[in-house]
Every structure is written in structure tokens, then in C-alpha cells.
Amino acid sequence: MRYNDSIFLNLFSNYKDEFIGVGRRDFIIYLEELVKAGEYGIALEDFLVQMYEYDLEISSNDLDIVRKLCENMSIDSNLWLALSIRASGD
């Protein structure tokens, strides 16, 4: 299934500064390359794993987007559920 690249690119770009802050300056570029190659699932999974690994907080709005994308893509709910504990209120 083909998704709208901008959904993913906008989501990832919301956390560019956070990843720079933890020393992952090129991580968003890597995710953008995956999206442009049509590797949406890999990009989303890598994003979620790194958000968890670096203990980064996700906004409740973005978490809702992530939840819907994961459900549509059949991505393990544990990936986004772990972030829901740390979700910030918007």
C-alpha cells in the first residue's frame, strides 16, 4: 500500500531537534530516505524504537497519528504503547 509521504515526513520532522539533542543528527535524514524509498513500515518502526531507546517524549497528537499508522500497517502495538506512557499533553 502506498501512503502519503508527507504524513511520515511531518511526523518525523517534529522530533528533529530531539534527535539532534541526543547525538542522532542524521537520523531524520535516514528516515526520510526510507520514506522516499517506500519503506514506510521500517521507517516508522525505527522511529518508534529510537524514541523509546532515547527516552524521548511524543506529543499526544503525534501518538494518535502513530497509533493509526501502526494499526493500518499491522505494526506491533507494543511499539507505540510503550511511548504512550510518556506522551505529553498538547
PDB file of N, CA and C in Angstrom:
ATOM      1  N   MET A   1       0.836  -1.179   0.000  1.00  0.00           N
ATOM      2  CA  MET A   1       0.000   0.000   0.000  1.00  0.00           C
ATOM      3  C   MET A   1       0.882   1.244   0.000  1.00  0.00           C
ATOM      4  N   ARG A   2       0.498   2.209  -0.780  1.00  0.00           N
ATOM      5  CA  ARG A   2       1.234   3.472  -0.863  1.00  0.00           C
ATOM      6  C   ARG A   2       0.606   4.488   0.088  1.00  0.00           C
ATOM      7  N   TYR A   3       1.422   5.111   0.894  1.00  0.00           N
ATOM      8  CA  TYR A   3       0.968   6.121   1.838  1.00  0.00           C
ATOM      9  C   TYR A   3       1.418   7.495   1.363  1.00  0.00           C
ATOM     10  N   ASN A   4       0.849   8.505   1.948  1.00  0.00           N
ATOM     11  CA  ASN A   4       1.245   9.870   1.660  1.00  0.00           C
ATOM     12  C   ASN A   4       2.546  10.153   2.411  1.00  0.00           C
ATOM     13  N   ASP A   5       3.617  10.398   1.672  1.00  0.00           N
ATOM     14  CA  ASP A   5       4.922  10.633   2.291  1.00  0.00           C
ATOM     15  C   ASP A   5       4.878  11.738   3.334  1.00  0.00           C
ATOM     16  N   SER A   6       4.085  12.770   3.089  1.00  0.00           N
ATOM     17  CA  SER A   6       4.095  13.935   3.985  1.00  0.00           C
ATOM     18  C   SER A   6       3.621  13.591   5.394  1.00  0.00           C
ATOM     19  N   ILE A   7       2.763  12.598   5.539  1.00  0.00           N
ATOM     20  CA  ILE A   7       2.329  12.183   6.876  1.00  0.00           C
ATOM     21  C   ILE A   7       3.537  11.754   7.699  1.00  0.00           C
ATOM     22  N   PHE A   8       4.366  10.925   7.102  1.00  0.00           N
ATOM     23  CA  PHE A   8       5.552  10.418   7.793  1.00  0.00           C
ATOM     24  C   PHE A   8       6.607  11.509   7.953  1.00  0.00           C
ATOM     25  N   LEU A   9       6.858  12.255   6.884  1.00  0.00           N
ATOM     26  CA  LEU A   9       7.900  13.277   6.930  1.00  0.00           C
ATOM     27  C   LEU A   9       7.578  14.357   7.958  1.00  0.00           C
ATOM     28  N   ASN A  10       6.318  14.762   8.034  1.00  0.00           N
ATOM     29  CA  ASN A  10       5.929  15.759   9.036  1.00  0.00           C
ATOM     30  C   ASN A  10       6.064  15.202  10.450  1.00  0.00           C
ATOM     31  N   LEU A  11       5.635  13.961  10.644  1.00  0.00           N
ATOM     32  CA  LEU A  11       5.759  13.323  11.954  1.00  0.00           C
ATOM     33  C   LEU A  11       7.218  13.285  12.389  1.00  0.00           C
ATOM     34  N   PHE A  12       8.083  12.785  11.533  1.00  0.00           N
ATOM     35  CA  PHE A  12       9.491  12.646  11.886  1.00  0.00           C
ATOM     36  C   PHE A  12      10.153  14.005  12.124  1.00  0.00           C
ATOM     37  N   SER A  13       9.824  14.990  11.289  1.00  0.00           N
ATOM     38  CA  SER A  13      10.471  16.302  11.420  1.00  0.00           C
ATOM     39  C   SER A  13      10.104  16.990  12.734  1.00  0.00           C
ATOM     40  N   ASN A  14       8.973  16.618  13.328  1.00  0.00           N
ATOM     41  CA  ASN A  14       8.591  17.177  14.629  1.00  0.00           C
ATOM     42  C   ASN A  14       9.617  16.860  15.714  1.00  0.00           C
ATOM     43  N   TYR A  15      10.454  15.853  15.479  1.00  0.00           N
ATOM     44  CA  TYR A  15      11.394  15.384  16.509  1.00  0.00           C
ATOM     45  C   TYR A  15      12.856  15.545  16.095  1.00  0.00           C
ATOM     46  N   LYS A  16      13.076  16.341  15.063  1.00  0.00           N
ATOM     47  CA  LYS A  16      14.438  16.561  14.581  1.00  0.00           C
ATOM     48  C   LYS A  16      15.340  17.114  15.687  1.00  0.00           C
ATOM     49  N   ASP A  17      14.872  18.144  16.379  1.00  0.00           N
ATOM     50  CA  ASP A  17      15.690  18.748  17.445  1.00  0.00           C
ATOM     51  C   ASP A  17      15.959  17.776  18.581  1.00  0.00           C
ATOM     52  N   GLU A  18      14.972  16.950  18.904  1.00  0.00           N
ATOM     53  CA  GLU A  18      15.153  15.972  19.983  1.00  0.00           C
ATOM     54  C   GLU A  18      16.239  14.958  19.619  1.00  0.00           C
ATOM     55  N   PHE A  19      16.237  14.503  18.360  1.00  0.00           N
ATOM     56  CA  PHE A  19      17.264  13.541  17.949  1.00  0.00           C
ATOM     57  C   PHE A  19      18.638  14.200  17.851  1.00  0.00           C
ATOM     58  N   ILE A  20      18.681  15.453  17.423  1.00  0.00           N
ATOM     59  CA  ILE A  20      19.957  16.174  17.422  1.00  0.00           C
ATOM     60  C   ILE A  20      20.483  16.272  18.848  1.00  0.00           C
ATOM     61  N   GLY A  21      19.574  16.530  19.786  1.00  0.00           N
ATOM     62  CA  GLY A  21      19.948  16.678  21.189  1.00  0.00           C
ATOM     63  C   GLY A  21      20.538  15.429  21.819  1.00  0.00           C
ATOM     64  N   VAL A  22      20.219  14.256  21.250  1.00  0.00           N
ATOM     65  CA  VAL A  22      20.771  13.011  21.795  1.00  0.00           C
ATOM     66  C   VAL A  22      21.884  12.450  20.897  1.00  0.00           C
ATOM     67  N   GLY A  23      22.383  13.320  20.003  1.00  0.00           N
ATOM     68  CA  GLY A  23      23.519  12.925  19.174  1.00  0.00           C
ATOM     69  C   GLY A  23      23.169  12.141  17.923  1.00  0.00           C
ATOM     70  N   ARG A  24      21.921  12.144  17.527  1.00  0.00           N
ATOM     71  CA  ARG A  24      21.492  11.417  16.317  1.00  0.00           C
ATOM     72  C   ARG A  24      21.136  12.402  15.205  1.00  0.00           C
ATOM     73  N   ARG A  25      22.069  13.273  14.874  1.00  0.00           N
ATOM     74  CA  ARG A  25      21.866  14.362  13.912  1.00  0.00           C
ATOM     75  C   ARG A  25      21.325  13.876  12.568  1.00  0.00           C
ATOM     76  N   ASP A  26      21.783  12.755  12.075  1.00  0.00           N
ATOM     77  CA  ASP A  26      21.397  12.283  10.746  1.00  0.00           C
ATOM     78  C   ASP A  26      20.219  11.312  10.759  1.00  0.00           C
ATOM     79  N   PHE A  27      19.652  11.045  11.908  1.00  0.00           N
ATOM     80  CA  PHE A  27      18.597  10.040  11.990  1.00  0.00           C
ATOM     81  C   PHE A  27      17.360  10.413  11.173  1.00  0.00           C
ATOM     82  N   ILE A  28      16.948  11.664  11.212  1.00  0.00           N
ATOM     83  CA  ILE A  28      15.773  12.089  10.456  1.00  0.00           C
ATOM     84  C   ILE A  28      16.038  11.983   8.961  1.00  0.00           C
ATOM     85  N   ILE A  29      17.252  12.275   8.532  1.00  0.00           N
ATOM     86  CA  ILE A  29      17.612  12.124   7.115  1.00  0.00           C
ATOM     87  C   ILE A  29      17.485  10.662   6.705  1.00  0.00           C
ATOM     88  N   TYR A  30      17.949   9.767   7.554  1.00  0.00           N
ATOM     89  CA  TYR A  30      17.824   8.326   7.309  1.00  0.00           C
ATOM     90  C   TYR A  30      16.352   7.932   7.163  1.00  0.00           C
ATOM     91  N   LEU A  31      15.499   8.438   8.064  1.00  0.00           N
ATOM     92  CA  LEU A  31      14.071   8.133   7.992  1.00  0.00           C
ATOM     93  C   LEU A  31      13.451   8.694   6.723  1.00  0.00           C
ATOM     94  N   GLU A  32      13.843   9.896   6.339  1.00  0.00           N
ATOM     95  CA  GLU A  32      13.329  10.500   5.112  1.00  0.00           C
ATOM     96  C   GLU A  32      13.693   9.662   3.894  1.00  0.00           C
ATOM     97  N   GLU A  33      14.911   9.131   3.863  1.00  0.00           N
ATOM     98  CA  GLU A  33      15.345   8.277   2.751  1.00  0.00           C
ATOM     99  C   GLU A  33      14.513   7.000   2.688  1.00  0.00           C
ATOM    100  N   LEU A  34      14.215   6.419   3.850  1.00  0.00           N
ATOM    101  CA  LEU A  34      13.367   5.229   3.873  1.00  0.00           C
ATOM    102  C   LEU A  34      11.975   5.532   3.330  1.00  0.00           C
ATOM    103  N   VAL A  35      11.408   6.650   3.734  1.00  0.00           N
ATOM    104  CA  VAL A  35      10.069   7.037   3.265  1.00  0.00           C
ATOM    105  C   VAL A  35      10.081   7.243   1.753  1.00  0.00           C
ATOM    106  N   LYS A  36      11.068   7.949   1.254  1.00  0.00           N
ATOM    107  CA  LYS A  36      11.155   8.206  -0.188  1.00  0.00           C
ATOM    108  C   LYS A  36      11.314   6.917  -0.980  1.00  0.00           C
ATOM    109  N   ALA A  37      11.881   5.889  -0.345  1.00  0.00           N
ATOM    110  CA  ALA A  37      12.031   4.578  -0.987  1.00  0.00           C
ATOM    111  C   ALA A  37      10.783   3.707  -0.813  1.00  0.00           C
ATOM    112  N   GLY A  38       9.782   4.238  -0.112  1.00  0.00           N
ATOM    113  CA  GLY A  38       8.548   3.486   0.098  1.00  0.00           C
ATOM    114  C   GLY A  38       8.607   2.504   1.251  1.00  0.00           C
ATOM    115  N   GLU A  39       9.632   2.609   2.074  1.00  0.00           N
ATOM    116  CA  GLU A  39       9.815   1.713   3.226  1.00  0.00           C
ATOM    117  C   GLU A  39       9.184   2.327   4.476  1.00  0.00           C
ATOM    118  N   TYR A  40       7.867   2.540   4.420  1.00  0.00           N
ATOM    119  CA  TYR A  40       7.150   3.220   5.495  1.00  0.00           C
ATOM    120  C   TYR A  40       7.198   2.446   6.808  1.00  0.00           C
ATOM    121  N   GLY A  41       7.000   1.156   6.744  1.00  0.00           N
ATOM    122  CA  GLY A  41       6.976   0.338   7.950  1.00  0.00           C
ATOM    123  C   GLY A  41       8.313   0.339   8.667  1.00  0.00           C
ATOM    124  N   ILE A  42       9.383   0.197   7.905  1.00  0.00           N
ATOM    125  CA  ILE A  42      10.720   0.206   8.503  1.00  0.00           C
ATOM    126  C   ILE A  42      11.004   1.565   9.127  1.00  0.00           C
ATOM    127  N   ALA A  43      10.653   2.626   8.416  1.00  0.00           N
ATOM    128  CA  ALA A  43      10.884   3.979   8.938  1.00  0.00           C
ATOM    129  C   ALA A  43      10.111   4.198  10.233  1.00  0.00           C
ATOM    130  N   LEU A  44       8.852   3.799  10.250  1.00  0.00           N
ATOM    131  CA  LEU A  44       8.034   4.011  11.439  1.00  0.00           C
ATOM    132  C   LEU A  44       8.530   3.168  12.612  1.00  0.00           C
ATOM    133  N   GLU A  45       8.861   1.916  12.351  1.00  0.00           N
ATOM    134  CA  GLU A  45       9.383   1.061  13.421  1.00  0.00           C
ATOM    135  C   GLU A  45      10.684   1.619  13.979  1.00  0.00           C
ATOM    136  N   ASP A  46      11.601   2.038  13.102  1.00  0.00           N
ATOM    137  CA  ASP A  46      12.877   2.591  13.565  1.00  0.00           C
ATOM    138  C   ASP A  46      12.650   3.865  14.374  1.00  0.00           C
ATOM    139  N   PHE A  47      11.736   4.707  13.915  1.00  0.00           N
ATOM    140  CA  PHE A  47      11.399   5.929  14.639  1.00  0.00           C
ATOM    141  C   PHE A  47      10.911   5.598  16.049  1.00  0.00           C
ATOM    142  N   LEU A  48       9.991   4.658  16.158  1.00  0.00           N
ATOM    143  CA  LEU A  48       9.421   4.307  17.458  1.00  0.00           C
ATOM    144  C   LEU A  48      10.459   3.692  18.393  1.00  0.00           C
ATOM    145  N   VAL A  49      11.283   2.825  17.861  1.00  0.00           N
ATOM    146  CA  VAL A  49      12.325   2.189  18.674  1.00  0.00           C
ATOM    147  C   VAL A  49      13.300   3.238  19.198  1.00  0.00           C
ATOM    148  N   GLN A  50      13.712   4.162  18.331  1.00  0.00           N
ATOM    149  CA  GLN A  50      14.664   5.179  18.763  1.00  0.00           C
ATOM    150  C   GLN A  50      14.037   6.174  19.735  1.00  0.00           C
ATOM    151  N   MET A  51      12.772   6.500  19.555  1.00  0.00           N
ATOM    152  CA  MET A  51      12.074   7.359  20.518  1.00  0.00           C
ATOM    153  C   MET A  51      12.089   6.702  21.891  1.00  0.00           C
ATOM    154  N   TYR A  52      11.852   5.398  21.913  1.00  0.00           N
ATOM    155  CA  TYR A  52      11.843   4.659  23.174  1.00  0.00           C
ATOM    156  C   TYR A  52      13.261   4.565  23.757  1.00  0.00           C
ATOM    157  N   GLU A  53      14.216   4.192  22.917  1.00  0.00           N
ATOM    158  CA  GLU A  53      15.590   3.986  23.385  1.00  0.00           C
ATOM    159  C   GLU A  53      16.189   5.254  23.980  1.00  0.00           C
ATOM    160  N   TYR A  54      15.872   6.397  23.388  1.00  0.00           N
ATOM    161  CA  TYR A  54      16.426   7.662  23.878  1.00  0.00           C
ATOM    162  C   TYR A  54      15.495   8.364  24.850  1.00  0.00           C
ATOM    163  N   ASP A  55      14.438   7.676  25.245  1.00  0.00           N
ATOM    164  CA  ASP A  55      13.515   8.203  26.254  1.00  0.00           C
ATOM    165  C   ASP A  55      12.947   9.562  25.852  1.00  0.00           C
ATOM    166  N   LEU A  56      12.579   9.690  24.561  1.00  0.00           N
ATOM    167  CA  LEU A  56      12.026  10.935  24.054  1.00  0.00           C
ATOM    168  C   LEU A  56      10.513  10.923  24.205  1.00  0.00           C
ATOM    169  N   GLU A  57       9.983  12.060  24.544  1.00  0.00           N
ATOM    170  CA  GLU A  57       8.547  12.202  24.770  1.00  0.00           C
ATOM    171  C   GLU A  57       7.847  12.532  23.446  1.00  0.00           C
ATOM    172  N   ILE A  58       6.728  11.885  23.197  1.00  0.00           N
ATOM    173  CA  ILE A  58       5.950  12.125  21.992  1.00  0.00           C
ATOM    174  C   ILE A  58       4.680  12.871  22.383  1.00  0.00           C
ATOM    175  N   SER A  59       4.251  13.781  21.519  1.00  0.00           N
ATOM    176  CA  SER A  59       3.025  14.520  21.825  1.00  0.00           C
ATOM    177  C   SER A  59       1.824  13.589  21.685  1.00  0.00           C
ATOM    178  N   SER A  60       0.776  13.895  22.407  1.00  0.00           N
ATOM    179  CA  SER A  60      -0.421  13.041  22.334  1.00  0.00           C
ATOM    180  C   SER A  60      -1.010  13.059  20.936  1.00  0.00           C
ATOM    181  N   ASN A  61      -0.931  14.188  20.240  1.00  0.00           N
ATOM    182  CA  ASN A  61      -1.428  14.265  18.863  1.00  0.00           C
ATOM    183  C   ASN A  61      -0.623  13.342  17.942  1.00  0.00           C
ATOM    184  N   ASP A  62       0.706  13.402  18.063  1.00  0.00           N
ATOM    185  CA  ASP A  62       1.556  12.535  17.237  1.00  0.00           C
ATOM    186  C   ASP A  62       1.382  11.069  17.612  1.00  0.00           C
ATOM    187  N   LEU A  63       1.168  10.801  18.875  1.00  0.00           N
ATOM    188  CA  LEU A  63       0.936   9.426  19.302  1.00  0.00           C
ATOM    189  C   LEU A  63      -0.334   8.869  18.645  1.00  0.00           C
ATOM    190  N   ASP A  64      -1.355   9.688  18.523  1.00  0.00           N
ATOM    191  CA  ASP A  64      -2.582   9.261  17.862  1.00  0.00           C
ATOM    192  C   ASP A  64      -2.325   8.951  16.390  1.00  0.00           C
ATOM    193  N   ILE A  65      -1.517   9.777  15.736  1.00  0.00           N
ATOM    194  CA  ILE A  65      -1.143   9.521  14.340  1.00  0.00           C
ATOM    195  C   ILE A  65      -0.378   8.211  14.245  1.00  0.00           C
ATOM    196  N   VAL A  66       0.574   8.012  15.145  1.00  0.00           N
ATOM    197  CA  VAL A  66       1.381   6.788  15.157  1.00  0.00           C
ATOM    198  C   VAL A  66       0.490   5.561  15.372  1.00  0.00           C
ATOM    199  N   ARG A  67      -0.428   5.665  16.311  1.00  0.00           N
ATOM    200  CA  ARG A  67      -1.334   4.539  16.595  1.00  0.00           C
ATOM    201  C   ARG A  67      -2.124   4.154  15.346  1.00  0.00           C
ATOM    202  N   LYS A  68      -2.672   5.139  14.656  1.00  0.00           N
ATOM    203  CA  LYS A  68      -3.459   4.867  13.446  1.00  0.00           C
ATOM    204  C   LYS A  68      -2.597   4.268  12.342  1.00  0.00           C
ATOM    205  N   LEU A  69      -1.395   4.806  12.174  1.00  0.00           N
ATOM    206  CA  LEU A  69      -0.496   4.263  11.157  1.00  0.00           C
ATOM    207  C   LEU A  69      -0.128   2.813  11.485  1.00  0.00           C
ATOM    208  N   CYS A  70       0.199   2.553  12.744  1.00  0.00           N
ATOM    209  CA  CYS A  70       0.562   1.187  13.153  1.00  0.00           C
ATOM    210  C   CYS A  70      -0.592   0.218  12.928  1.00  0.00           C
ATOM    211  N   GLU A  71      -1.791   0.637  13.268  1.00  0.00           N
ATOM    212  CA  GLU A  71      -2.955  -0.226  13.055  1.00  0.00           C
ATOM    213  C   GLU A  71      -3.154  -0.512  11.571  1.00  0.00           C
ATOM    214  N   ASN A  72      -3.020   0.513  10.728  1.00  0.00           N
ATOM    215  CA  ASN A  72      -3.197   0.333   9.283  1.00  0.00           C
ATOM    216  C   ASN A  72      -2.098  -0.512   8.655  1.00  0.00           C
ATOM    217  N   MET A  73      -0.919  -0.463   9.239  1.00  0.00           N
ATOM    218  CA  MET A  73       0.234  -1.174   8.686  1.00  0.00           C
ATOM    219  C   MET A  73       0.497  -2.500   9.389  1.00  0.00           C
ATOM    220  N   SER A  74      -0.348  -2.852  10.346  1.00  0.00           N
ATOM    221  CA  SER A  74      -0.182  -4.092  11.121  1.00  0.00           C
ATOM    222  C   SER A  74       1.174  -4.152  11.829  1.00  0.00           C
ATOM    223  N   ILE A  75       1.585  -3.019  12.373  1.00  0.00           N
ATOM    224  CA  ILE A  75       2.821  -2.957  13.152  1.00  0.00           C
ATOM    225  C   ILE A  75       2.474  -3.246  14.603  1.00  0.00           C
ATOM    226  N   ASP A  76       3.310  -4.021  15.252  1.00  0.00           N
ATOM    227  CA  ASP A  76       3.104  -4.445  16.633  1.00  0.00           C
ATOM    228  C   ASP A  76       2.735  -3.260  17.524  1.00  0.00           C
ATOM    229  N   SER A  77       1.619  -3.370  18.204  1.00  0.00           N
ATOM    230  CA  SER A  77       1.137  -2.278  19.056  1.00  0.00           C
ATOM    231  C   SER A  77       2.069  -1.994  20.224  1.00  0.00           C
ATOM    232  N   ASN A  78       2.897  -2.951  20.611  1.00  0.00           N
ATOM    233  CA  ASN A  78       3.837  -2.714  21.713  1.00  0.00           C
ATOM    234  C   ASN A  78       4.788  -1.566  21.415  1.00  0.00           C
ATOM    235  N   LEU A  79       5.066  -1.341  20.130  1.00  0.00           N
ATOM    236  CA  LEU A  79       5.985  -0.262  19.775  1.00  0.00           C
ATOM    237  C   LEU A  79       5.420   1.107  20.137  1.00  0.00           C
ATOM    238  N   TRP A  80       4.161   1.327  19.850  1.00  0.00           N
ATOM    239  CA  TRP A  80       3.594   2.637  20.183  1.00  0.00           C
ATOM    240  C   TRP A  80       3.038   2.688  21.610  1.00  0.00           C
ATOM    241  N   LEU A  81       2.614   1.551  22.132  1.00  0.00           N
ATOM    242  CA  LEU A  81       2.097   1.543  23.503  1.00  0.00           C
ATOM    243  C   LEU A  81       3.167   1.950  24.506  1.00  0.00           C
ATOM    244  N   ALA A  82       4.403   1.548  24.267  1.00  0.00           N
ATOM    245  CA  ALA A  82       5.491   1.908  25.170  1.00  0.00           C
ATOM    246  C   ALA A  82       5.674   3.427  25.219  1.00  0.00           C
ATOM    247  N   LEU A  83       5.428   4.102  24.100  1.00  0.00           N
ATOM    248  CA  LEU A  83       5.559   5.558  24.068  1.00  0.00           C
ATOM    249  C   LEU A  83       4.368   6.251  24.714  1.00  0.00           C
ATOM    250  N   SER A  84       3.232   5.568  24.755  1.00  0.00           N
ATOM    251  CA  SER A  84       2.032   6.209  25.289  1.00  0.00           C
ATOM    252  C   SER A  84       2.189   6.540  26.783  1.00  0.00           C
ATOM    253  N   ILE A  85       3.036   5.801  27.455  1.00  0.00           N
ATOM    254  CA  ILE A  85       3.293   6.049  28.871  1.00  0.00           C
ATOM    255  C   ILE A  85       3.944   7.411  29.057  1.00  0.00           C
ATOM    256  N   ARG A  86       4.740   7.803  28.076  1.00  0.00           N
ATOM    257  CA  ARG A  86       5.499   9.063  28.170  1.00  0.00           C
ATOM    258  C   ARG A  86       4.886  10.197  27.356  1.00  0.00           C
ATOM    259  N   ALA A  87       3.732   9.988  26.764  1.00  0.00           N
ATOM    260  CA  ALA A  87       3.140  11.010  25.889  1.00  0.00           C
ATOM    261  C   ALA A  87       2.843  12.283  26.663  1.00  0.00           C
ATOM    262  N   SER A  88       3.153  13.376  26.010  1.00  0.00           N
ATOM    263  CA  SER A  88       2.873  14.671  26.628  1.00  0.00           C
ATOM    264  C   SER A  88       1.504  15.159  26.189  1.00  0.00           C
ATOM    265  N   GLY A  89       0.888  15.939  27.017  1.00  0.00           N
ATOM    266  CA  GLY A  89      -0.363  16.581  26.630  1.00  0.00           C
ATOM    267  C   GLY A  89      -0.057  17.728  25.688  1.00  0.00           C
ATOM    268  N   ASP A  90      -0.930  17.958  24.736  1.00  0.00           N
ATOM    269  CA  ASP A  90      -0.685  19.055  23.785  1.00  0.00           C
ATOM    270  C   ASP A  90      -1.275  20.342  24.281  1.00  0.00           C
TER     271      ASP A  90
END
